Protein backbone atom coordinates (compact mmCIF):
# COMPACT_ATOMS: atom_id res chain seq x y z
CA MET A 1 -19.67 4.19 4.79
CA LYS A 2 -22.42 3.29 2.14
CA ILE A 3 -24.25 -0.13 2.83
CA THR A 4 -27.17 -1.34 0.63
CA TRP A 5 -28.60 -3.92 2.49
CA HIS A 6 -29.96 -6.98 1.17
CA ASP A 7 -31.99 -9.94 2.51
CA LYS A 8 -29.62 -12.65 2.44
CA SER A 9 -28.22 -11.84 5.68
CA PRO A 10 -28.74 -9.95 9.19
CA ILE A 11 -28.63 -6.55 9.32
CA TYR A 12 -25.58 -7.10 11.71
CA ARG A 13 -23.64 -9.14 9.97
CA GLN A 14 -24.01 -7.25 6.40
CA LEU A 15 -22.95 -4.12 8.36
CA ALA A 16 -19.61 -6.00 10.41
CA ASP A 17 -18.85 -7.45 6.20
CA ARG A 18 -19.03 -3.55 5.06
CA LEU A 19 -16.68 -2.59 8.60
CA ARG A 20 -14.34 -5.18 7.57
CA ASP A 21 -13.84 -4.02 4.08
CA LEU A 22 -13.15 -0.97 5.03
CA VAL A 23 -10.31 -1.79 7.32
CA LEU A 24 -9.24 -3.73 4.11
CA GLU A 25 -9.49 -0.53 1.82
CA GLY A 26 -7.87 1.31 4.54
CA VAL A 27 -10.07 3.39 5.69
CA TYR A 28 -9.73 2.80 9.28
CA ARG A 29 -6.02 1.63 10.12
CA ASP A 30 -4.74 -0.47 12.92
CA GLY A 31 -5.40 1.81 16.06
CA ASP A 32 -8.09 3.79 14.23
CA ALA A 33 -11.29 4.51 16.78
CA LEU A 34 -14.53 3.63 14.63
CA PRO A 35 -17.40 5.53 14.17
CA SER A 36 -19.91 5.49 17.22
CA VAL A 37 -23.00 3.45 17.66
CA ARG A 38 -25.33 6.06 18.26
CA GLN A 39 -23.35 7.71 14.70
CA ILE A 40 -24.02 4.10 12.57
CA ALA A 41 -27.30 4.09 14.20
CA SER A 42 -28.61 7.49 13.12
CA GLU A 43 -26.59 7.94 9.64
CA HIS A 44 -27.89 4.45 8.72
CA GLN A 45 -31.32 4.23 10.47
CA ILE A 46 -30.75 0.76 11.95
CA ASN A 47 -31.34 0.20 16.07
CA PRO A 48 -28.08 0.54 18.21
CA ILE A 49 -28.46 -2.53 19.30
CA THR A 50 -27.69 -4.19 15.81
CA VAL A 51 -24.66 -1.62 15.59
CA SER A 52 -23.69 -3.21 18.88
CA LYS A 53 -23.85 -7.04 17.84
CA ALA A 54 -22.17 -6.14 14.39
CA PHE A 55 -18.91 -5.02 16.83
CA GLN A 56 -19.53 -7.67 18.98
CA LEU A 57 -18.41 -10.44 16.12
CA LEU A 58 -15.42 -7.76 15.25
CA VAL A 59 -14.53 -8.40 19.06
CA ASP A 60 -14.89 -11.55 19.29
CA GLU A 61 -12.96 -11.86 15.83
CA ALA A 62 -10.20 -9.67 17.34
CA LEU A 63 -10.18 -7.60 15.14
CA VAL A 64 -11.27 -4.75 17.39
CA GLU A 65 -11.56 -3.63 21.11
CA LYS A 66 -13.24 -1.98 23.21
CA ARG A 67 -11.61 1.30 25.11
CA ARG A 68 -13.95 1.92 28.23
CA GLY A 69 -14.89 5.31 27.76
CA LEU A 70 -13.67 5.95 24.36
CA GLY A 71 -15.35 3.60 21.96
CA MET A 72 -13.81 1.13 19.56
CA TYR A 73 -10.84 0.73 18.04
CA VAL A 74 -9.06 -0.99 15.32
CA VAL A 75 -6.51 -3.77 16.71
CA GLU A 76 -2.94 -3.46 16.04
CA GLY A 77 -2.51 -6.44 13.35
CA ALA A 78 -5.46 -6.67 12.39
CA THR A 79 -5.15 -5.51 8.68
CA LYS A 80 -2.99 -7.96 8.69
CA GLN A 81 -5.18 -10.32 9.95
CA LEU A 82 -8.16 -9.62 7.43
CA MET A 83 -5.75 -10.00 4.21
CA ALA A 84 -4.45 -13.52 5.43
CA ASP A 85 -8.16 -14.58 6.23
CA GLU A 86 -9.53 -12.97 2.80
CA ARG A 87 -6.52 -14.81 0.14
CA LYS A 88 -6.95 -18.45 2.31
CA GLU A 89 -11.32 -17.68 1.67
CA PHE A 90 -10.18 -16.53 -1.94
CA LEU A 91 -7.92 -19.17 -2.54
CA GLU A 92 -9.71 -22.25 -0.29
CA HIS A 93 -13.41 -20.91 -2.18
CA ASP A 94 -12.87 -18.66 -5.10
CA TRP A 95 -10.01 -19.72 -6.98
CA PRO A 96 -11.22 -23.54 -7.60
CA ASP A 97 -14.47 -21.94 -9.15
CA PHE A 98 -12.75 -20.00 -11.59
CA ARG A 99 -10.22 -22.06 -11.99
CA ASP A 100 -12.23 -24.92 -13.28
CA ARG A 101 -14.30 -22.37 -15.35
CA ALA A 102 -11.47 -21.04 -16.90
CA GLU A 103 -10.43 -25.15 -18.21
CA ARG A 104 -14.04 -25.76 -19.13
CA LEU A 105 -13.84 -22.65 -21.25
CA GLY A 106 -10.62 -23.78 -22.54
CA PHE A 107 -8.19 -20.74 -20.94
CA THR A 108 -4.35 -21.28 -20.75
CA ILE A 109 -2.86 -19.32 -17.92
CA THR A 110 -1.11 -17.27 -20.44
CA GLU A 111 -4.17 -16.61 -21.91
CA LEU A 112 -5.90 -15.76 -19.05
CA MET A 113 -2.66 -13.02 -17.99
CA GLN A 114 -2.84 -11.68 -21.38
CA GLU A 115 -6.36 -10.58 -21.38
CA VAL A 116 -6.14 -9.31 -17.85
CA SER A 117 -2.69 -7.21 -18.70
């Protein structure tokens, strides 16, 4: 898992975002175990508490569950939920900006579709 840290948000949020992306990409599937807190902390040279905070965000979002003595696991349905959330985010935030810019540039939907094909 490669992460390039930036100063725009806390590291634990960046780590949680990266783990969400890995679930969406299919690297971790529903029911899969995630790497341990120690493993991630060591690999990325960050504090284990930071990793725990990232995991807690995912637990709070019902994407990950802690199995006592076994570690953290992706919950069943997490991929589907993340996909639905991402699609909603795209339609509510990204698409309007894209559509407005395309209209300002004089594109029609047909022209855009031809350009990307």
